[in-house]
């Protein structure tokens, strides 16, 4: 007698096998013990099929996998972690996952980690130190194998303590400073701010506004430093001024609010540089709603060169950061620390570049 069932290679009559399958599914989640019983092998054999399949005979391995596929068995990661001491999980804590910049960074990290069998747990701190601390505790409780983090504030002591307790940690888009017990991957934001401001001063603008976020955020503070450096250089040739508008956040909404404030300034700036492309998008929208033409009336420069920058009308001049490469490099450092003996902490810094498009009106001047 033959019949079609999920375990036709299991000895016994088919009706009994099918009954066992129904009973397992009706009870809910399938256990490894039930897989072993249905496949008529030991618990150790099922464990080897899951974790070290090369040591299991091909026919036995095929029978166990058939049972696993048919019953929908899912291995308990928590139990597996207790046995092997690794979760194969990496935590990622970012300032704002809704920002396309961070989405591209995560994509780079995910590709590297996925190739090594790791999965990511991604959290967005929303620029809140309290949320960041809560997520760090959750990740430590889950015994993640590593952490990639863009910190909210300047104090890195909590993150350094986490690393000293055994969680491999890499600072993402944040310099480690004097903390030599951490790895970091950054972009030279001082140079990026200088590139943006120098571009506008070089076009002949003497009244430039800088729409910035909170300077408690390291990236905002560094881009401010770069803009001031460009201002000092510009003043050697002509009168030049830089007015900074510090917004509470780095979102499109904050950019729209900044547009209204820009037009209220006396005298009105002829050019605007923004701390990121989301702010620049909001500024473009706010100016357009008020009948201000870009770049004819006001030139605009963003920062990050996210995916939509080239699609806007006018297309957005922006400072490009190697977003994907930033995430990939951070993931490589993390794996090197977590898996490789003799790891030495180090800092990697990428250089930004200015991508000139229509919004700054460079071709007209």
Protein backbone atom coordinates (compact mmCIF):
# COMPACT_ATOMS: atom_id res chain seq x y z
CA UNK A 1 0.00 0.00 0.00
CA UNK A 2 1.32 3.50 -0.86
CA UNK A 3 -0.01 6.94 -0.13
CA UNK A 4 1.17 10.57 -0.25
CA UNK A 5 2.16 12.04 3.12
CA UNK A 6 4.77 14.34 4.57
CA UNK A 7 6.89 11.41 5.79
CA UNK A 8 6.44 8.58 3.31
CA UNK A 9 9.93 7.33 4.15
CA UNK A 10 8.97 6.84 7.83
CA UNK A 11 8.16 3.20 8.58
CA UNK A 12 4.55 2.44 9.49
CA UNK A 13 1.17 2.74 7.87
CA UNK A 14 0.23 6.03 6.23
CA UNK A 15 -2.95 6.57 8.15
CA UNK A 16 -1.06 6.51 11.44
CA UNK A 17 1.53 8.96 10.09
CA UNK A 18 -1.14 11.35 8.84
CA UNK A 19 -2.93 11.19 12.18
CA UNK A 20 0.26 12.07 13.98
CA UNK A 21 0.73 15.06 11.64
CA UNK A 22 -2.76 16.39 12.37
CA UNK A 23 -2.32 15.99 16.10
CA UNK A 24 0.95 17.88 16.05
CA UNK A 25 -0.50 20.79 14.12
CA UNK A 26 -3.61 20.99 16.29
CA UNK A 27 -1.49 21.35 19.41
CA UNK A 28 0.23 24.45 18.05
CA UNK A 29 3.98 24.96 17.92
CA UNK A 30 5.96 21.86 17.01
CA UNK A 31 8.82 20.87 19.34
CA UNK A 32 12.15 19.31 18.44
CA UNK A 33 11.11 16.22 20.43
CA UNK A 34 8.08 15.75 18.18
CA UNK A 35 10.24 16.10 15.09
CA UNK A 36 12.56 13.41 16.46
CA UNK A 37 9.64 11.09 17.27
CA UNK A 38 7.97 11.50 13.86
CA UNK A 39 11.26 11.04 12.01
CA UNK A 40 12.17 8.12 14.33
CA UNK A 41 15.56 9.51 15.21
CA UNK A 42 17.19 10.83 18.39
CA UNK A 43 17.12 14.44 19.59
CA UNK A 44 20.83 14.61 18.91
CA UNK A 45 20.29 13.66 15.27
CA UNK A 46 17.72 16.43 14.78
CA UNK A 47 20.11 18.89 16.45
CA UNK A 48 22.89 17.82 14.10
CA UNK A 49 20.64 18.24 11.08
CA UNK A 50 19.98 21.81 12.20
CA UNK A 51 23.47 22.76 13.30
CA UNK A 52 25.98 20.35 11.79
CA UNK A 53 24.27 18.56 8.88
CA UNK A 54 27.48 17.19 7.39
CA UNK A 55 27.76 14.55 10.16
CA UNK A 56 24.30 13.08 9.43
CA UNK A 57 23.79 10.37 6.81
CA UNK A 58 22.09 11.81 3.69
CA UNK A 59 19.03 9.54 3.91
CA UNK A 60 18.49 10.32 7.59
CA UNK A 61 19.03 14.02 7.00
CA UNK A 62 16.47 14.02 4.16
CA UNK A 63 13.90 12.25 6.37
CA UNK A 64 14.35 14.76 9.21
CA UNK A 65 14.14 17.74 6.84
CA UNK A 66 10.95 16.30 5.32
CA UNK A 67 9.35 16.17 8.75
CA UNK A 68 10.58 19.69 9.57
CA UNK A 69 9.14 21.13 6.34
CA UNK A 70 5.82 19.34 6.65
CA UNK A 71 5.17 20.20 10.30
CA UNK A 72 6.39 23.80 10.07
CA UNK A 73 8.90 23.28 12.88
CA UNK A 74 10.81 26.47 13.84
CA UNK A 75 13.93 26.18 15.96
CA UNK A 76 13.94 28.06 19.27
CA UNK A 77 16.65 30.67 18.92
CA UNK A 78 16.73 31.21 22.68
CA UNK A 79 17.35 27.52 23.37
CA UNK A 80 19.93 27.33 20.61
CA UNK A 81 21.69 30.38 22.00
CA UNK A 82 21.94 28.77 25.44
CA UNK A 83 23.67 25.77 23.88
CA UNK A 84 26.10 27.52 21.53
CA UNK A 85 26.50 30.90 23.26
CA UNK A 86 25.70 32.97 20.13
CA UNK A 87 22.46 34.59 18.96
CA UNK A 88 23.55 35.31 15.35
CA UNK A 89 21.84 38.66 15.91
CA UNK A 90 23.21 42.21 15.68
CA UNK A 91 21.43 45.24 17.12
CA UNK A 92 21.33 48.53 15.23
CA UNK A 93 20.28 51.75 16.99
CA UNK A 94 19.91 54.79 14.72
CA UNK A 95 18.76 58.37 15.22
CA UNK A 96 15.87 58.18 12.74
CA UNK A 97 15.14 55.13 10.62
CA UNK A 98 12.65 57.19 8.56
CA UNK A 99 15.61 59.18 7.20
CA UNK A 100 16.67 57.65 3.84
CA UNK A 101 20.30 58.22 4.83
CA UNK A 102 20.04 55.68 7.65
CA UNK A 103 18.00 53.29 5.52
CA UNK A 104 20.88 53.11 3.05
CA UNK A 105 23.41 52.69 5.87
CA UNK A 106 21.40 49.75 7.23
CA UNK A 107 21.26 48.23 3.75
CA UNK A 108 25.06 48.19 3.58
CA UNK A 109 25.40 46.63 7.03
CA UNK A 110 22.67 44.07 6.37
CA UNK A 111 24.31 42.80 3.20
CA UNK A 112 27.61 42.10 4.94
CA UNK A 113 25.98 40.51 8.00
CA UNK A 114 23.47 38.42 6.04
CA UNK A 115 26.32 36.87 4.06
CA UNK A 116 27.67 35.58 7.39
CA UNK A 117 24.33 34.29 8.65
CA UNK A 118 23.42 37.20 10.95
CA UNK A 119 20.12 39.04 11.23
CA UNK A 120 19.53 42.64 12.33
CA UNK A 121 17.30 44.08 15.04
CA UNK A 122 16.83 47.74 14.06
CA UNK A 123 15.71 50.45 16.50
CA UNK A 124 15.15 54.19 16.06
CA UNK A 125 16.03 56.35 19.06
CA UNK A 126 14.25 59.41 17.60
CA UNK A 127 17.03 61.58 19.06
CA UNK A 128 15.92 60.51 22.55
CA UNK A 129 18.58 59.46 25.06
CA UNK A 130 15.91 57.73 27.15
CA UNK A 131 14.77 55.58 24.21
CA UNK A 132 18.38 54.81 23.34
CA UNK A 133 19.12 53.58 26.87
CA UNK A 134 15.98 51.43 26.86
CA UNK A 135 16.91 49.80 23.57
CA UNK A 136 20.47 49.14 24.74
CA UNK A 137 19.09 47.28 27.74
CA UNK A 138 16.74 45.24 25.53
CA UNK A 139 19.58 44.30 23.20
CA UNK A 140 21.83 43.28 26.07
CA UNK A 141 19.03 41.17 27.54
CA UNK A 142 18.71 39.41 24.18
CA UNK A 143 22.47 38.73 24.25
CA UNK A 144 23.04 40.11 20.78
CA UNK A 145 26.43 39.30 19.30
CA UNK A 146 27.13 42.92 18.42
CA UNK A 147 25.87 46.47 18.30
CA UNK A 148 26.02 49.20 15.64
CA UNK A 149 24.93 52.55 17.04
CA UNK A 150 24.65 56.21 16.12
CA UNK A 151 24.55 57.75 19.62
CA UNK A 152 22.15 60.54 20.53
CA UNK A 153 24.40 62.57 22.79
CA UNK A 154 28.08 63.18 23.31
CA UNK A 155 28.44 60.99 26.41
CA UNK A 156 29.54 57.52 25.28
CA UNK A 157 30.19 56.04 28.72
CA UNK A 158 27.12 53.79 28.71
CA UNK A 159 27.99 52.43 25.29
CA UNK A 160 31.61 51.90 26.32
CA UNK A 161 30.45 50.02 29.43
CA UNK A 162 28.28 47.76 27.29
CA UNK A 163 31.31 46.97 25.12
CA UNK A 164 33.45 46.20 28.18
CA UNK A 165 30.79 43.71 29.35
CA UNK A 166 31.30 41.72 26.17
CA UNK A 167 29.03 43.14 23.46
CA UNK A 168 31.13 43.94 20.39
CA UNK A 169 30.25 47.55 19.51
CA UNK A 170 30.97 49.86 16.58
CA UNK A 171 30.06 53.55 16.52
CA UNK A 172 28.23 54.30 13.28
CA UNK A 173 28.59 57.78 11.77
CA UNK A 174 30.18 58.92 15.02
CA UNK A 175 33.84 59.37 15.87
CA UNK A 176 35.07 57.49 18.95
CA UNK A 177 37.12 60.42 20.21
CA UNK A 178 39.43 59.29 23.01
CA UNK A 179 37.61 55.99 23.60
CA UNK A 180 40.20 53.63 22.21
CA UNK A 181 38.19 50.58 23.34
CA UNK A 182 35.64 51.12 20.54
CA UNK A 183 35.72 50.98 16.75
CA UNK A 184 34.09 53.75 14.73
CA UNK A 185 33.16 54.51 11.14
CA UNK A 186 32.51 58.15 10.22
CA UNK A 187 32.42 60.70 7.43
CA UNK A 188 34.36 63.97 7.71
CA UNK A 189 31.36 66.23 8.37
CA UNK A 190 33.54 69.29 9.00
CA UNK A 191 34.82 68.97 5.47
CA UNK A 192 31.28 68.34 4.21
CA UNK A 193 29.96 71.52 5.82
CA UNK A 194 32.87 73.43 4.35
CA UNK A 195 32.15 72.06 0.86
CA UNK A 196 28.49 73.14 1.00
CA UNK A 197 29.14 76.67 2.28
CA UNK A 198 32.20 77.26 0.08
CA UNK A 199 30.16 76.30 -2.97
CA UNK A 200 27.60 79.02 -2.23
CA UNK A 201 30.18 81.66 -1.34
CA UNK A 202 32.09 80.74 -4.47
CA UNK A 203 28.99 81.45 -6.55
CA UNK A 204 29.04 85.02 -5.24
CA UNK A 205 26.44 84.78 -2.45
CA UNK A 206 27.22 87.14 0.40
CA UNK A 207 24.20 86.33 2.61
CA UNK A 208 23.99 82.59 3.26
CA UNK A 209 21.70 80.95 5.79
CA UNK A 210 22.50 77.62 7.44
CA UNK A 211 19.45 75.60 8.49
CA UNK A 212 20.87 73.29 11.16
CA UNK A 213 19.59 70.77 13.68
CA UNK A 214 20.46 70.63 17.39
CA UNK A 215 24.21 71.06 17.86
CA UNK A 216 24.02 68.40 20.58
CA UNK A 217 24.04 66.05 17.59
CA UNK A 218 27.66 65.60 16.60
CA UNK A 219 26.96 65.71 12.85
CA UNK A 220 25.19 69.07 13.16
CA UNK A 221 28.00 70.55 15.23
CA UNK A 222 30.65 69.37 12.78
CA UNK A 223 28.80 70.69 9.73
CA UNK A 224 28.48 74.02 11.52
CA UNK A 225 32.25 74.08 12.08
CA UNK A 226 32.84 73.41 8.41
CA UNK A 227 30.49 76.19 7.32
CA UNK A 228 32.26 78.67 9.62
CA UNK A 229 35.60 77.60 8.17
CA UNK A 230 34.30 78.34 4.66
CA UNK A 231 33.00 81.71 5.88
CA UNK A 232 36.45 82.69 7.16
CA UNK A 233 37.97 81.81 3.81
CA UNK A 234 35.28 83.71 1.86
CA UNK A 235 35.76 86.92 3.86
CA UNK A 236 39.29 87.23 2.52
CA UNK A 237 37.87 88.15 -0.89
CA UNK A 238 34.57 89.91 -0.21
CA UNK A 239 32.05 90.73 2.53
CA UNK A 240 30.21 87.55 3.46
CA UNK A 241 27.77 86.58 6.17
CA UNK A 242 26.36 83.33 7.58
CA UNK A 243 23.11 83.23 9.56
CA UNK A 244 22.33 80.00 11.40
CA UNK A 245 18.78 78.81 12.10
CA UNK A 246 18.82 75.99 14.64
CA UNK A 247 15.74 73.76 14.32
CA UNK A 248 14.52 71.27 16.93
CA UNK A 249 14.77 68.38 14.47
CA UNK A 250 16.07 67.27 11.10
CA UNK A 251 12.78 66.48 9.34
CA UNK A 252 10.85 67.82 6.35
CA UNK A 253 8.42 69.58 8.69
CA UNK A 254 11.26 71.43 10.38
CA UNK A 255 12.54 72.46 6.96
CA UNK A 256 9.16 73.93 6.04
CA UNK A 257 9.13 75.95 9.27
CA UNK A 258 12.65 77.14 8.53
CA UNK A 259 11.51 78.47 5.12
CA UNK A 260 9.11 80.89 6.81
CA UNK A 261 11.84 82.06 9.17
CA UNK A 262 14.29 82.54 6.30
CA UNK A 263 11.96 84.90 4.47
CA UNK A 264 11.47 86.91 7.67
CA UNK A 265 15.19 87.67 7.96
CA UNK A 266 16.44 91.14 7.10
CA UNK A 267 18.15 91.20 4.72
CA UNK A 268 16.80 88.03 3.13
CA UNK A 269 19.49 85.42 2.39
CA UNK A 270 20.15 84.65 -1.26
CA UNK A 271 21.33 81.11 -0.51
CA UNK A 272 20.55 78.36 2.00
CA UNK A 273 22.56 75.32 3.05
CA UNK A 274 20.84 72.63 5.10
CA UNK A 275 22.20 70.09 7.59
CA UNK A 276 20.52 67.24 5.72
CA UNK A 277 18.38 66.57 2.66
CA UNK A 278 15.13 66.22 4.62
CA UNK A 279 15.52 69.79 5.87
CA UNK A 280 16.38 70.87 2.31
CA UNK A 281 13.24 69.18 0.96
CA UNK A 282 11.14 71.06 3.52
CA UNK A 283 12.86 74.34 2.65
CA UNK A 284 12.20 73.77 -1.07
CA UNK A 285 8.54 73.07 -0.38
CA UNK A 286 8.16 76.05 1.97
CA UNK A 287 9.77 78.44 -0.51
CA UNK A 288 7.68 77.12 -3.39
CA UNK A 289 4.46 77.53 -1.39
CA UNK A 290 5.39 81.19 -0.87
CA UNK A 291 6.18 81.86 -4.51
CA UNK A 292 9.96 81.97 -4.07
CA UNK A 293 11.83 80.49 -7.04
CA UNK A 294 14.78 78.15 -6.62
CA UNK A 295 17.48 78.86 -7.70
CA UNK A 296 16.47 82.19 -9.31
CA UNK A 297 15.57 83.89 -6.02
CA UNK A 298 17.27 81.60 -3.49
CA UNK A 299 19.87 78.86 -4.01
CA UNK A 300 19.55 75.70 -1.89
CA UNK A 301 22.11 73.03 -0.95
CA UNK A 302 21.37 69.87 1.03
CA UNK A 303 23.49 67.25 2.77
CA UNK A 304 23.62 63.40 2.45
CA UNK A 305 22.59 63.09 -1.23
CA UNK A 306 19.82 60.61 -0.49
CA UNK A 307 17.98 58.78 -3.26
CA UNK A 308 15.33 61.45 -3.90
CA UNK A 309 17.81 64.37 -4.21
CA UNK A 310 18.30 63.94 -7.94
CA UNK A 311 14.55 63.45 -8.53
CA UNK A 312 13.37 66.77 -7.10
CA UNK A 313 12.47 69.74 -9.27
CA UNK A 314 14.83 71.48 -9.27
CA UNK A 315 17.25 68.63 -8.57
CA UNK A 316 19.06 69.17 -5.29
CA UNK A 317 22.73 70.06 -4.97
CA UNK A 318 23.95 68.03 -2.00
CA UNK A 319 27.00 66.80 -0.13
CA UNK A 320 27.25 63.09 -0.82
CA UNK A 321 28.13 60.65 1.92
CA UNK A 322 29.07 57.02 1.10
CA UNK A 323 26.04 55.69 2.94
CA UNK A 324 26.08 52.05 1.86
CA UNK A 325 29.85 51.84 2.32
CA UNK A 326 29.52 53.37 5.79
CA UNK A 327 27.20 50.58 6.94
CA UNK A 328 29.22 47.86 5.23
CA UNK A 329 32.49 49.01 6.80
CA UNK A 330 30.90 49.14 10.26
CA UNK A 331 29.57 45.60 9.85
CA UNK A 332 32.98 44.34 8.73
CA UNK A 333 34.62 45.87 11.82
CA UNK A 334 31.96 44.31 14.04
CA UNK A 335 32.45 40.82 12.58
CA UNK A 336 36.20 41.21 12.85
CA UNK A 337 35.88 42.00 16.55
CA UNK A 338 33.23 39.39 17.31
CA UNK A 339 34.83 36.49 15.46
CA UNK A 340 38.50 37.22 14.93
CA UNK A 341 41.24 36.78 17.52
CA UNK A 342 43.71 39.59 18.02
CA UNK A 343 41.27 42.32 16.97
CA UNK A 344 42.58 45.87 17.34
CA UNK A 345 40.09 48.73 17.64
CA UNK A 346 40.41 51.36 14.95
CA UNK A 347 38.61 54.31 13.38
CA UNK A 348 37.65 54.53 9.69
CA UNK A 349 36.79 57.90 8.17
CA UNK A 350 35.32 58.48 4.71
CA UNK A 351 35.53 61.72 2.74
CA UNK A 352 32.37 63.48 1.44
CA UNK A 353 31.99 65.05 -2.00
CA UNK A 354 29.82 67.84 -3.37
CA UNK A 355 27.31 66.87 -6.07
CA UNK A 356 26.25 70.01 -7.94
CA UNK A 357 22.74 70.10 -9.44
CA UNK A 358 20.16 72.67 -10.44
CA UNK A 359 19.03 73.90 -7.00
CA UNK A 360 22.19 75.92 -6.39
CA UNK A 361 22.09 77.55 -9.84
CA UNK A 362 25.79 76.95 -10.35
CA UNK A 363 25.50 76.91 -14.11
CA UNK A 364 23.88 80.35 -14.19
CA UNK A 365 26.66 82.22 -12.39
